[in-house]
Amino acid sequence: MLLLLFFAYFDFIFYTIARLSTADRYAANGRTETAMQCEDMSWDRLQLPCDVRKVCSVAGKQFELVSDSISALINCALCLAEVGATAGLQSALLQIFSDRLLIYEGEPPEGAILQHRTDVYDLFLSIPKTAASKLFTNTLARKRRRQRIILSRFLNHDLESSLIIHWCGQGCGCGRQPNNNNNSDNNNGNNNNNDDNNSNNNSDNNGDFSRQLTLAAFEQYVVPALIPGACPKFPRGKWTRTELSADWAGLLAAHHGLFVDVFALWLTTNQKKPPTVTWFCLRL
């Protein structure tokens, strides 16, 4: 009764009155609006589409174009959901660095190589400007700034190349050792041959020690920067927060194609043995 009086009051004030509704294109919604209009034909029907539904539909159509990639991201997140899976993946990445890392002396290349590396960071390590939580934004921004600094310092070669090269320039400090080979009796002129042999041995030891320190720095900094944690699950049913899983996989794939190599090594070296079946003979 009160609702009818409310409608009658607006009918008395305004010359044209309309009932505004916002809904999607579901058939039942249209029938409901028609039934409501039949109760009082003096009200015009003004039905507008839902903008949120429009955005969701557009996002769904976009996801259909890369449905295989989305399925791969979801499977990747499910694989890393087990306990110890992320640590195993990091160990596989460290093994690849130990096998394939090349250390060159000199300054890293610039030009197009540097520009490509910057574009990769801007795409997969973009720093958010705004977010619902300022604390979350600041935390993510600090984390990504740290990743950009570490990766640009250690993986400073062409990221599109299959060769993993670290350019150790002046002030790098990642494991270069000074060559101290003048320790073998410089005052004795009769021991020149022994001094040469000791110099060569010390040079080899310094090179090995430098590589060990560089790999230790890669283990401490580069591996956590490329794989900071498990891959976030792609929210297929939502149209927000989908960039986190894409950034996780894209960053690893953009660095020398390590995404495929790391998962191939991890899956081949961590295959679970099939359970042994024991048959028990029950005596009747």
Protein backbone atom coordinates (compact mmCIF):
# COMPACT_ATOMS: atom_id res chain seq x y z
CA MET A 1 0.00 0.00 0.00
CA LEU A 2 2.79 2.38 0.87
CA LEU A 3 4.54 1.53 -2.40
CA LEU A 4 1.43 2.45 -4.39
CA LEU A 5 1.12 5.75 -2.52
CA PHE A 6 4.78 6.42 -3.24
CA PHE A 7 4.27 5.86 -6.97
CA ALA A 8 1.12 8.00 -6.95
CA TYR A 9 3.01 10.85 -5.31
CA PHE A 10 5.63 10.90 -8.07
CA ASP A 11 2.88 10.64 -10.67
CA PHE A 12 1.34 13.79 -9.24
CA ILE A 13 4.61 15.79 -9.18
CA PHE A 14 6.21 14.90 -12.54
CA TYR A 15 4.59 14.92 -15.95
CA THR A 16 6.66 12.00 -17.25
CA ILE A 17 7.83 9.29 -14.93
CA ALA A 18 10.02 6.32 -15.78
CA ARG A 19 11.11 3.21 -13.97
CA LEU A 20 14.88 2.88 -14.38
CA SER A 21 16.48 -0.55 -14.18
CA THR A 22 19.97 -1.80 -14.89
CA ALA A 23 20.42 -5.48 -15.67
CA ASP A 24 22.10 -7.83 -18.09
CA ARG A 25 20.49 -9.42 -21.12
CA TYR A 26 19.16 -12.46 -19.26
CA ALA A 27 15.66 -13.30 -20.55
CA ALA A 28 14.10 -13.52 -17.09
CA ASN A 29 15.13 -9.94 -16.33
CA GLY A 30 13.16 -8.60 -19.29
CA ARG A 31 10.05 -10.55 -18.33
CA THR A 32 10.31 -9.27 -14.78
CA GLU A 33 10.49 -5.67 -15.96
CA THR A 34 7.45 -6.21 -18.20
CA ALA A 35 5.46 -7.68 -15.30
CA MET A 36 6.38 -4.75 -13.07
CA GLN A 37 5.26 -2.30 -15.73
CA CYS A 38 1.87 -4.01 -16.02
CA GLU A 39 1.15 -3.13 -12.42
CA ASP A 40 1.08 0.58 -13.25
CA MET A 41 1.07 1.51 -16.93
CA SER A 42 1.56 5.20 -16.15
CA TRP A 43 5.24 4.53 -15.60
CA ASP A 44 7.46 4.32 -18.68
CA ARG A 45 10.04 1.61 -18.84
CA LEU A 46 13.69 2.70 -19.07
CA GLN A 47 16.02 -0.27 -19.01
CA LEU A 48 19.77 0.30 -19.36
CA PRO A 49 22.45 -2.38 -19.82
CA CYS A 50 24.94 -3.10 -17.06
CA ASP A 51 28.39 -1.62 -17.79
CA VAL A 52 30.09 -4.10 -15.48
CA ARG A 53 28.58 -6.97 -17.44
CA LYS A 54 29.84 -5.38 -20.63
CA VAL A 55 33.39 -5.23 -19.32
CA CYS A 56 33.15 -8.82 -18.09
CA SER A 57 31.91 -9.98 -21.49
CA VAL A 58 34.73 -8.17 -23.27
CA ALA A 59 37.29 -9.71 -20.91
CA GLY A 60 35.82 -13.14 -21.52
CA LYS A 61 36.10 -12.74 -25.29
CA GLN A 62 39.70 -11.62 -24.91
CA PHE A 63 40.54 -14.65 -22.79
CA GLU A 64 39.18 -16.93 -25.51
CA LEU A 65 41.96 -15.75 -27.84
CA VAL A 66 44.63 -17.07 -25.47
CA SER A 67 42.74 -19.89 -23.83
CA ASP A 68 45.67 -22.31 -24.22
CA SER A 69 48.07 -19.91 -22.52
CA ILE A 70 45.61 -19.35 -19.68
CA SER A 71 45.26 -23.10 -19.19
CA ALA A 72 49.06 -23.35 -19.06
CA LEU A 73 49.24 -20.65 -16.38
CA ILE A 74 46.60 -22.40 -14.30
CA ASN A 75 48.41 -25.74 -14.59
CA CYS A 76 51.67 -24.02 -13.69
CA ALA A 77 50.12 -22.61 -10.52
CA LEU A 78 48.65 -26.00 -9.61
CA CYS A 79 52.03 -27.71 -10.07
CA LEU A 80 53.72 -25.24 -7.74
CA ALA A 81 51.01 -25.51 -5.08
CA GLU A 82 52.67 -28.54 -3.52
CA VAL A 83 55.01 -28.14 -0.57
CA GLY A 84 58.61 -27.69 -1.70
CA ALA A 85 57.72 -27.24 -5.37
CA THR A 86 58.92 -23.63 -5.53
CA ALA A 87 62.21 -24.53 -3.87
CA GLY A 88 62.69 -27.35 -6.37
CA LEU A 89 62.03 -24.97 -9.26
CA GLN A 90 64.58 -22.53 -7.85
CA SER A 91 67.11 -25.35 -7.57
CA ALA A 92 66.53 -26.21 -11.23
CA LEU A 93 67.13 -22.58 -12.19
CA LEU A 94 70.34 -22.52 -10.18
CA GLN A 95 71.47 -25.70 -11.93
CA ILE A 96 70.91 -24.04 -15.32
CA PHE A 97 72.99 -21.05 -14.22
CA SER A 98 75.74 -23.37 -13.01
CA ASP A 99 75.84 -25.18 -16.36
CA ARG A 100 75.33 -22.34 -18.82
CA LEU A 101 76.55 -19.13 -17.17
CA LEU A 102 79.41 -17.38 -18.95
CA ILE A 103 81.35 -14.59 -17.25
CA TYR A 104 82.92 -11.96 -19.47
CA GLU A 105 85.09 -9.09 -18.37
CA GLY A 106 83.97 -5.70 -19.59
CA GLU A 107 81.06 -3.31 -19.59
CA PRO A 108 77.61 -4.65 -20.59
CA PRO A 109 76.31 -3.79 -24.06
CA GLU A 110 73.99 -0.86 -24.52
CA GLY A 111 71.84 0.44 -27.36
CA ALA A 112 69.08 -1.83 -28.60
CA ILE A 113 69.97 -4.55 -26.05
CA LEU A 114 69.58 -2.16 -23.13
CA GLN A 115 66.36 -0.75 -24.58
CA HIS A 116 64.87 -4.24 -24.97
CA ARG A 117 65.76 -5.09 -21.39
CA THR A 118 64.11 -1.89 -20.18
CA ASP A 119 60.97 -2.69 -22.19
CA VAL A 120 60.82 -6.16 -20.63
CA TYR A 121 61.00 -4.67 -17.14
CA ASP A 122 58.34 -2.09 -17.97
CA LEU A 123 56.05 -4.86 -19.19
CA PHE A 124 56.48 -7.55 -16.56
CA LEU A 125 57.85 -5.52 -13.64
CA SER A 126 55.70 -2.44 -13.96
CA ILE A 127 55.36 -0.44 -10.77
CA PRO A 128 51.68 0.17 -9.89
CA LYS A 129 50.59 3.74 -9.52
CA THR A 130 47.32 3.29 -7.68
CA ALA A 131 45.59 0.43 -5.90
CA ALA A 132 42.87 -0.13 -3.36
CA SER A 133 45.44 -0.53 -0.59
CA LYS A 134 48.30 1.95 -0.37
CA LEU A 135 50.33 -0.46 1.75
CA PHE A 136 49.97 -3.22 -0.85
CA THR A 137 50.99 -0.79 -3.58
CA ASN A 138 54.11 0.31 -1.71
CA THR A 139 55.09 -3.28 -0.91
CA LEU A 140 54.71 -4.43 -4.49
CA ALA A 141 56.51 -1.35 -5.79
CA ARG A 142 59.51 -1.93 -3.50
CA LYS A 143 59.64 -5.59 -4.47
CA ARG A 144 59.60 -4.86 -8.17
CA ARG A 145 62.18 -2.07 -7.90
CA ARG A 146 64.46 -4.55 -6.14
CA GLN A 147 63.91 -7.11 -8.90
CA ARG A 148 64.69 -4.58 -11.62
CA ILE A 149 67.96 -3.55 -9.96
CA ILE A 150 69.14 -7.12 -9.39
CA LEU A 151 68.26 -8.46 -12.82
CA SER A 152 69.71 -5.47 -14.67
CA ARG A 153 72.96 -5.86 -12.77
CA PHE A 154 73.53 -9.59 -13.17
CA LEU A 155 71.64 -10.58 -16.35
CA ASN A 156 73.02 -7.68 -18.35
CA HIS A 157 73.47 -9.40 -21.72
CA ASP A 158 71.03 -9.75 -24.60
CA LEU A 159 67.91 -11.32 -23.08
CA GLU A 160 66.82 -12.71 -26.44
CA SER A 161 70.01 -14.74 -26.78
CA SER A 162 70.21 -18.34 -25.66
CA LEU A 163 73.60 -17.61 -24.08
CA ILE A 164 73.46 -16.61 -20.43
CA ILE A 165 76.29 -14.10 -20.12
CA HIS A 166 77.20 -11.90 -17.19
CA TRP A 167 79.37 -8.91 -18.00
CA CYS A 168 81.60 -8.17 -15.05
CA GLY A 169 82.59 -4.55 -15.41
CA GLN A 170 84.34 -2.09 -13.19
CA GLY A 171 82.77 -1.91 -9.75
CA CYS A 172 80.71 -5.05 -10.30
CA GLY A 173 81.98 -6.78 -7.19
CA CYS A 174 80.19 -10.07 -7.90
CA GLY A 175 83.19 -12.30 -7.38
CA ARG A 176 86.16 -10.86 -9.27
CA GLN A 177 89.38 -11.35 -7.40
CA PRO A 178 92.62 -9.43 -7.88
CA ASN A 179 95.40 -11.46 -9.42
CA ASN A 180 98.04 -11.63 -6.67
CA ASN A 181 100.72 -13.71 -8.30
CA ASN A 182 103.79 -11.91 -7.00
CA ASN A 183 104.19 -14.00 -3.88
CA SER A 184 106.90 -16.48 -4.87
CA ASP A 185 110.36 -15.23 -3.99
CA ASN A 186 110.89 -12.35 -6.38
CA ASN A 187 114.43 -11.91 -4.98
CA ASN A 188 115.56 -15.34 -6.10
CA GLY A 189 116.51 -15.25 -9.75
CA ASN A 190 117.00 -18.99 -9.96
CA ASN A 191 113.33 -19.83 -9.39
CA ASN A 192 111.79 -18.23 -12.47
CA ASN A 193 110.26 -21.45 -13.78
CA ASN A 194 108.69 -22.25 -10.44
CA ASP A 195 107.31 -18.74 -10.23
CA ASP A 196 105.69 -19.10 -13.66
CA ASN A 197 104.06 -22.36 -12.69
CA ASN A 198 102.81 -20.95 -9.42
CA SER A 199 101.49 -17.91 -11.27
CA ASN A 200 99.49 -20.06 -13.68
CA ASN A 201 98.07 -22.16 -10.84
CA ASN A 202 97.10 -19.10 -8.86
CA SER A 203 95.43 -17.60 -11.93
CA ASP A 204 93.34 -20.73 -12.43
CA ASN A 205 92.39 -20.82 -8.78
CA ASN A 206 91.37 -17.18 -8.85
CA GLY A 207 89.20 -17.81 -11.90
CA ASP A 208 87.44 -20.76 -10.24
CA PHE A 209 87.00 -18.82 -7.03
CA SER A 210 85.57 -15.87 -8.94
CA ARG A 211 83.03 -18.12 -10.69
CA GLN A 212 82.05 -19.70 -7.39
CA LEU A 213 81.41 -16.29 -5.86
CA THR A 214 79.43 -15.21 -8.92
CA LEU A 215 77.24 -18.33 -8.75
CA ALA A 216 76.78 -17.72 -5.04
CA ALA A 217 75.59 -14.20 -5.85
CA PHE A 218 73.22 -15.60 -8.50
CA GLU A 219 71.85 -18.07 -5.95
CA GLN A 220 71.31 -15.35 -3.35
CA TYR A 221 69.92 -12.60 -5.56
CA VAL A 222 69.07 -13.61 -9.15
CA VAL A 223 67.17 -16.83 -8.44
CA PRO A 224 64.77 -15.19 -5.92
CA ALA A 225 64.37 -12.23 -8.28
CA LEU A 226 63.29 -14.44 -11.19
CA ILE A 227 61.25 -16.86 -9.05
CA PRO A 228 60.15 -14.88 -5.99
CA GLY A 229 57.51 -17.44 -5.11
CA ALA A 230 54.91 -19.77 -6.52
CA CYS A 231 53.05 -18.73 -9.64
CA PRO A 232 49.80 -16.95 -8.72
CA LYS A 233 46.73 -18.78 -9.94
CA PHE A 234 45.11 -17.16 -12.94
CA PRO A 235 41.57 -16.04 -11.94
CA ARG A 236 39.68 -17.28 -14.97
CA GLY A 237 36.31 -16.40 -13.45
CA LYS A 238 37.33 -12.79 -12.76
CA TRP A 239 38.48 -9.91 -14.92
CA THR A 240 40.82 -8.28 -12.39
CA ARG A 241 44.19 -9.30 -10.94
CA THR A 242 44.98 -11.45 -13.93
CA GLU A 243 48.28 -9.68 -14.60
CA LEU A 244 50.09 -11.23 -11.62
CA SER A 245 50.34 -14.73 -13.08
CA ALA A 246 51.14 -13.36 -16.55
CA ASP A 247 53.95 -11.21 -15.11
CA TRP A 248 55.35 -14.18 -13.18
CA ALA A 249 55.59 -16.43 -16.24
CA GLY A 250 56.46 -13.68 -18.71
CA LEU A 251 59.42 -12.45 -16.68
CA LEU A 252 60.95 -15.92 -16.58
CA ALA A 253 60.28 -16.54 -20.27
CA ALA A 254 61.70 -13.17 -21.34
CA HIS A 255 65.11 -13.96 -19.82
CA HIS A 256 66.82 -16.26 -22.31
CA GLY A 257 63.69 -18.43 -22.60
CA LEU A 258 64.25 -19.88 -19.14
CA PHE A 259 60.60 -20.70 -18.52
CA VAL A 260 60.61 -23.79 -20.73
CA ASP A 261 64.12 -24.88 -19.73
CA VAL A 262 63.51 -24.57 -15.99
CA PHE A 263 60.23 -26.48 -16.03
CA ALA A 264 61.65 -29.17 -18.32
CA LEU A 265 64.59 -29.73 -15.96
CA TRP A 266 62.42 -29.60 -12.85
CA LEU A 267 59.83 -32.04 -14.18
CA THR A 268 62.44 -34.53 -15.43
CA THR A 269 64.52 -34.51 -12.24
CA ASN A 270 61.60 -34.61 -9.81
CA GLN A 271 59.49 -37.38 -11.24
CA LYS A 272 57.80 -39.30 -8.49
CA LYS A 273 58.29 -43.02 -8.48
CA PRO A 274 55.11 -45.05 -8.90
CA PRO A 275 53.87 -46.54 -5.65
CA THR A 276 54.75 -50.16 -5.08
CA VAL A 277 51.77 -52.44 -4.83
CA THR A 278 51.97 -55.10 -2.17
CA TRP A 279 49.64 -58.05 -2.37
CA PHE A 280 48.62 -59.56 0.86
CA CYS A 281 47.52 -63.17 0.85
CA LEU A 282 44.80 -63.59 3.36
CA ARG A 283 44.43 -67.03 4.82
CA LEU A 284 40.83 -68.08 4.90
